[in-house]
Amino acid sequence: MKQMDEFTAIMKARTFVNKVNPSAVPVSVEAYAAELSARVKYDKTMSAEEDGCSTFFNGKLVIAVNGNHRQERQRFTICHEVAHAVLGLPSEHDAASWSYAKRPPNEVICDAFAAELLLPFSLFKPHVEKSDIGFTAVEALANLFEASLAATASRFATVTSAPCAYVLSEGGKVRYCARSKALREAKAWIPLGVVLAERSLTARLRGGEACQGPQEIAADIWFSDWQRGGELLEDSRYHSPWDQGLSLVWFEDEEVPEQTNSEQRLTFENDGLAELDGVLPWPGRSRRR
């Protein structure tokens, strides 16, 4: 059976969200369960390592959630189990749920689906565009939407019009990256599996250095084969028990530096003269924090 890709799962999530059509923040996760005629059961006998599971009982879907977990984690678990049901993907809950490096592909796909449900584009995007960039703003949005910091930061980077990326690292290596459209179009690439650059704020926090973001950092410290120069702002949070870092990086003036002459020549040689697409650059407003 062919592995489902994240893009397909996200498109299915948006279709599902449109069916339920949430209009208030935080969204009702019970409404998502009700769309599947599922019953949600909060179980306080689960161990701390268990998030939840789903099963069919008398032909009806039952979603069991760890009743001892924080509310935002319970909400994510419900959406994650909804994802398994909608996508038809079997559960693989043997690995520790907190470890991205050990997380099986089906679970990663269902996490992406769950984030779409908790932070629907139509409700989340307007808040993002009114917010500054950085974890102070992301933490406020996470509280507003009753979602985890990681899910909110990832969605923030994906939907913002500013050139911004979110990176999850574990064990000192990049494990996941979400980029805005502006960075994808600029080919600002952060490879998975690479060791965090020593000069990055995230690596310094991991090393025990007492430093606070956002801090300025050269763009090529984060972006692979980056020839345009420019300075990024980096803001990070580090969780030592899991050896995980959450990072946001973005261009301070919210504009990607212009292509160098060598890049322009390469683009011309490979693609010919690019057609005008009518897309204007963003205004030079700054959202530092």
Protein backbone atom coordinates (compact mmCIF):
# COMPACT_ATOMS: atom_id res chain seq x y z
CA MET A 1 0.00 0.00 0.00
CA LYS A 2 1.36 3.39 -1.01
CA GLN A 3 2.23 5.69 1.88
CA MET A 4 -0.05 8.72 2.11
CA ASP A 5 1.82 12.03 1.80
CA GLU A 6 1.34 15.02 4.06
CA PHE A 7 -0.11 17.24 1.34
CA THR A 8 -2.89 14.75 0.60
CA ALA A 9 -3.69 14.47 4.30
CA ILE A 10 -3.85 18.25 4.68
CA MET A 11 -6.23 18.58 1.73
CA LYS A 12 -8.47 15.92 3.26
CA ALA A 13 -8.31 17.77 6.59
CA ARG A 14 -9.45 21.01 4.98
CA THR A 15 -12.35 19.21 3.31
CA PHE A 16 -13.33 17.78 6.69
CA VAL A 17 -13.07 21.20 8.35
CA ASN A 18 -15.33 22.68 5.67
CA LYS A 19 -17.97 20.04 6.45
CA VAL A 20 -17.99 20.94 10.14
CA ASN A 21 -17.54 24.66 9.38
CA PRO A 22 -16.28 25.89 12.78
CA SER A 23 -16.87 29.59 13.35
CA ALA A 24 -15.59 30.24 16.87
CA VAL A 25 -12.18 30.10 18.52
CA PRO A 26 -11.16 27.77 20.07
CA VAL A 27 -12.78 25.32 17.69
CA SER A 28 -15.00 22.60 19.12
CA VAL A 29 -13.15 19.30 18.83
CA GLU A 30 -16.33 17.59 20.00
CA ALA A 31 -17.97 18.84 16.79
CA TYR A 32 -15.28 17.06 14.78
CA ALA A 33 -15.95 13.84 16.69
CA ALA A 34 -19.70 14.28 16.24
CA GLU A 35 -19.24 14.54 12.47
CA LEU A 36 -18.07 10.91 12.65
CA SER A 37 -20.79 10.00 15.18
CA ALA A 38 -17.96 9.20 17.56
CA ARG A 39 -18.13 9.18 21.35
CA VAL A 40 -15.26 10.76 23.33
CA LYS A 41 -14.29 9.06 26.58
CA TYR A 42 -11.83 10.62 29.05
CA ASP A 43 -9.87 7.85 30.77
CA LYS A 44 -7.88 8.70 33.91
CA THR A 45 -6.46 5.20 34.21
CA MET A 46 -4.07 5.75 31.29
CA SER A 47 -0.38 6.14 32.02
CA ALA A 48 1.37 9.47 31.45
CA GLU A 49 2.98 8.10 28.26
CA GLU A 50 -0.38 7.28 26.66
CA ASP A 51 -2.24 9.96 24.72
CA GLY A 52 -5.28 8.03 23.61
CA CYS A 53 -6.66 5.54 21.14
CA SER A 54 -9.80 4.78 19.17
CA THR A 55 -11.81 1.65 18.60
CA PHE A 56 -15.21 0.57 17.35
CA PHE A 57 -17.76 -0.65 19.92
CA ASN A 58 -21.14 -1.91 18.73
CA GLY A 59 -20.42 -0.32 15.37
CA LYS A 60 -19.71 3.12 16.85
CA LEU A 61 -16.33 4.87 16.99
CA VAL A 62 -15.11 5.50 20.53
CA ILE A 63 -12.18 7.86 21.09
CA ALA A 64 -10.44 7.32 24.43
CA VAL A 65 -8.36 10.26 25.67
CA ASN A 66 -5.96 10.45 28.61
CA GLY A 67 -7.99 12.35 31.19
CA ASN A 68 -4.84 13.28 33.12
CA HIS A 69 -3.28 15.32 30.31
CA ARG A 70 -3.55 19.08 29.81
CA GLN A 71 -6.55 20.32 27.89
CA GLU A 72 -4.60 21.34 24.78
CA ARG A 73 -3.01 17.88 24.62
CA GLN A 74 -6.41 16.21 24.99
CA ARG A 75 -7.81 18.37 22.18
CA PHE A 76 -4.92 17.43 19.91
CA THR A 77 -5.39 13.74 20.73
CA ILE A 78 -9.07 13.87 19.75
CA CYS A 79 -8.19 15.49 16.42
CA HIS A 80 -5.38 12.98 15.90
CA GLU A 81 -7.76 10.05 16.40
CA VAL A 82 -10.29 11.70 14.07
CA ALA A 83 -7.46 11.79 11.52
CA HIS A 84 -6.92 8.03 11.80
CA ALA A 85 -10.63 7.46 11.15
CA VAL A 86 -10.95 9.88 8.23
CA LEU A 87 -7.69 8.87 6.54
CA GLY A 88 -8.10 5.17 7.22
CA LEU A 89 -4.57 4.91 8.60
CA PRO A 90 -3.80 2.30 11.27
CA SER A 91 -2.42 3.47 14.59
CA GLU A 92 1.26 2.96 15.44
CA HIS A 93 1.36 4.15 19.02
CA ASP A 94 4.26 2.04 20.29
CA ALA A 95 6.82 4.86 20.06
CA ALA A 96 6.94 7.72 22.57
CA SER A 97 4.53 10.37 21.33
CA TRP A 98 6.84 13.23 22.31
CA SER A 99 9.73 11.99 20.16
CA TYR A 100 9.49 13.21 16.58
CA ALA A 101 12.59 11.28 15.55
CA LYS A 102 10.94 7.98 16.55
CA ARG A 103 7.44 8.84 15.35
CA PRO A 104 6.12 6.46 12.64
CA PRO A 105 4.99 7.96 9.30
CA ASN A 106 1.26 7.33 9.90
CA GLU A 107 1.44 9.20 13.20
CA VAL A 108 3.24 12.17 11.61
CA ILE A 109 0.58 12.34 8.89
CA CYS A 110 -2.21 12.27 11.48
CA ASP A 111 -0.44 15.01 13.46
CA ALA A 112 -0.51 17.25 10.38
CA PHE A 113 -4.22 16.51 9.92
CA ALA A 114 -4.90 17.30 13.59
CA ALA A 115 -3.10 20.65 13.37
CA GLU A 116 -5.31 21.64 10.44
CA LEU A 117 -8.40 20.85 12.53
CA LEU A 118 -7.23 22.74 15.63
CA LEU A 119 -5.96 25.76 13.69
CA PRO A 120 -8.23 26.05 10.61
CA PHE A 121 -6.82 28.27 7.89
CA SER A 122 -9.85 30.57 7.66
CA LEU A 123 -9.83 31.28 11.41
CA PHE A 124 -6.09 31.16 12.05
CA LYS A 125 -4.72 33.18 9.12
CA PRO A 126 -6.32 36.54 10.13
CA HIS A 127 -4.82 36.25 13.62
CA VAL A 128 -1.39 35.42 12.21
CA GLU A 129 -1.36 38.43 9.89
CA LYS A 130 -2.19 40.75 12.80
CA SER A 131 0.51 39.26 15.04
CA ASP A 132 4.17 40.01 15.44
CA ILE A 133 6.56 37.20 14.60
CA GLY A 134 8.19 35.31 17.44
CA PHE A 135 7.30 32.94 20.23
CA THR A 136 5.65 35.61 22.35
CA ALA A 137 2.99 35.96 19.67
CA VAL A 138 2.85 32.22 18.97
CA GLU A 139 2.34 31.46 22.66
CA ALA A 140 -0.57 33.91 22.74
CA LEU A 141 -2.15 32.25 19.70
CA ALA A 142 -1.59 28.79 21.20
CA ASN A 143 -3.52 29.90 24.29
CA LEU A 144 -6.27 31.45 22.18
CA PHE A 145 -6.76 28.34 20.04
CA GLU A 146 -6.04 25.92 22.92
CA ALA A 147 -3.35 24.17 20.89
CA SER A 148 0.20 23.10 21.62
CA LEU A 149 3.09 25.49 21.07
CA ALA A 150 4.66 23.18 18.47
CA ALA A 151 1.48 22.82 16.40
CA THR A 152 0.81 26.55 16.55
CA ALA A 153 4.36 27.51 15.57
CA SER A 154 4.30 25.11 12.63
CA ARG A 155 0.97 26.44 11.38
CA PHE A 156 2.14 30.04 11.94
CA ALA A 157 5.13 29.57 9.65
CA THR A 158 3.03 27.82 7.03
CA VAL A 159 0.25 30.43 6.71
CA THR A 160 2.10 33.72 7.26
CA SER A 161 2.77 35.94 4.27
CA ALA A 162 6.16 36.86 5.74
CA PRO A 163 9.32 34.86 4.86
CA CYS A 164 9.38 32.64 7.93
CA ALA A 165 10.29 29.05 8.85
CA TYR A 166 9.59 26.82 11.83
CA VAL A 167 12.07 24.10 12.75
CA LEU A 168 11.73 21.26 15.24
CA SER A 169 15.04 19.76 16.31
CA GLU A 170 15.70 16.77 18.52
CA GLY A 171 19.00 15.44 19.73
CA GLY A 172 20.70 18.42 18.12
CA LYS A 173 19.45 17.58 14.61
CA VAL A 174 16.74 19.08 12.41
CA ARG A 175 13.77 16.70 12.37
CA TYR A 176 10.98 18.79 10.82
CA CYS A 177 10.66 22.09 8.98
CA ALA A 178 7.66 24.14 7.86
CA ARG A 179 8.23 27.15 5.58
CA SER A 180 6.07 30.00 4.39
CA LYS A 181 5.24 30.36 0.72
CA ALA A 182 7.73 33.23 0.46
CA LEU A 183 10.63 31.05 1.62
CA ARG A 184 9.59 28.10 -0.52
CA GLU A 185 9.53 30.31 -3.60
CA ALA A 186 12.96 31.69 -2.68
CA LYS A 187 14.28 28.11 -2.34
CA ALA A 188 15.34 28.76 1.25
CA TRP A 189 15.93 25.13 2.16
CA ILE A 190 16.60 23.69 5.63
CA PRO A 191 17.64 20.02 5.18
CA LEU A 192 16.31 17.37 7.54
CA GLY A 193 18.80 15.40 9.59
CA VAL A 194 21.51 18.04 9.65
CA VAL A 195 23.21 19.00 12.89
CA LEU A 196 22.21 22.40 14.28
CA ALA A 197 24.77 25.08 13.44
CA GLU A 198 26.81 25.98 16.52
CA ARG A 199 26.12 29.70 16.04
CA SER A 200 22.34 29.25 15.94
CA LEU A 201 20.39 30.44 18.97
CA THR A 202 18.82 26.99 19.32
CA ALA A 203 22.20 25.23 19.50
CA ARG A 204 23.44 27.73 22.08
CA LEU A 205 20.34 27.20 24.23
CA ARG A 206 20.86 23.45 23.95
CA GLY A 207 24.46 23.95 25.08
CA GLY A 208 23.27 25.65 28.25
CA GLU A 209 23.99 29.23 27.24
CA ALA A 210 21.68 31.79 28.86
CA CYS A 211 20.44 33.80 25.90
CA GLN A 212 17.11 35.19 24.80
CA GLY A 213 15.66 35.76 21.35
CA PRO A 214 14.95 37.06 18.93
CA GLN A 215 18.59 37.40 17.87
CA GLU A 216 20.13 38.35 14.54
CA ILE A 217 21.90 35.57 12.66
CA ALA A 218 23.29 35.17 9.16
CA ALA A 219 20.77 33.51 6.83
CA ASP A 220 23.28 30.96 5.55
CA ILE A 221 23.61 29.51 9.04
CA TRP A 222 20.12 28.04 8.61
CA PHE A 223 19.59 27.86 4.83
CA SER A 224 21.50 25.33 2.73
CA ASP A 225 23.44 26.62 -0.31
CA TRP A 226 22.11 30.13 0.37
CA GLN A 227 23.78 32.75 -1.82
CA ARG A 228 21.65 35.83 -1.18
CA GLY A 229 23.10 36.90 2.14
CA GLY A 230 20.90 38.79 4.57
CA GLU A 231 20.23 38.59 8.29
CA LEU A 232 17.55 36.49 9.92
CA LEU A 233 15.95 36.88 13.30
CA GLU A 234 15.84 33.64 15.29
CA ASP A 235 13.62 32.96 18.27
CA SER A 236 13.77 29.60 20.04
CA ARG A 237 12.43 27.51 22.88
CA TYR A 238 14.35 24.52 24.23
CA HIS A 239 12.92 21.64 26.29
CA SER A 240 15.81 19.79 27.93
CA PRO A 241 13.91 16.67 29.19
CA TRP A 242 13.12 15.78 25.56
CA ASP A 243 16.24 17.43 24.09
CA GLN A 244 13.93 19.27 21.69
CA GLY A 245 14.22 22.75 20.24
CA LEU A 246 11.48 24.79 18.60
CA SER A 247 12.79 27.55 16.33
CA LEU A 248 11.30 30.38 14.31
CA VAL A 249 13.53 32.16 11.78
CA TRP A 250 12.47 35.06 9.58
CA PHE A 251 13.81 38.05 7.69
CA GLU A 252 13.50 41.15 9.85
CA ASP A 253 12.17 43.48 7.14
CA GLU A 254 9.89 40.68 5.87
CA GLU A 255 11.50 40.73 2.45
CA VAL A 256 13.74 38.02 1.02
CA PRO A 257 17.06 39.46 -0.23
CA GLU A 258 17.30 39.87 -3.99
CA GLN A 259 18.94 37.16 -6.06
CA THR A 260 22.66 37.50 -6.63
CA ASN A 261 23.97 37.89 -10.18
CA SER A 262 25.14 34.27 -10.21
CA GLU A 263 21.69 33.07 -9.15
CA GLN A 264 20.04 35.19 -11.82
CA ARG A 265 22.35 33.76 -14.47
CA LEU A 266 21.64 30.22 -13.30
CA THR A 267 17.90 30.81 -13.35
CA PHE A 268 18.12 32.26 -16.87
CA GLU A 269 20.26 29.38 -18.13
CA ASN A 270 17.98 26.74 -16.63
CA ASP A 271 14.56 28.27 -17.18
CA GLY A 272 14.97 31.12 -19.63
CA LEU A 273 13.59 34.55 -18.83
CA ALA A 274 10.88 34.18 -16.21
CA GLU A 275 7.47 35.62 -17.04
CA LEU A 276 6.10 38.46 -14.94
CA ASP A 277 3.53 37.04 -12.54
CA GLY A 278 2.06 40.23 -11.12
CA VAL A 279 3.09 39.37 -7.56
CA LEU A 280 4.38 42.45 -5.79
CA PRO A 281 6.87 42.29 -2.90
CA TRP A 282 5.57 42.70 0.62
CA PRO A 283 5.70 46.19 2.14
CA GLY A 284 8.73 46.72 4.30
CA ARG A 285 7.03 46.48 7.66
CA SER A 286 8.81 44.80 10.53
CA ARG A 287 7.29 42.41 13.07
CA ARG A 288 10.12 41.50 15.38
CA ARG A 289 8.33 40.11 18.44
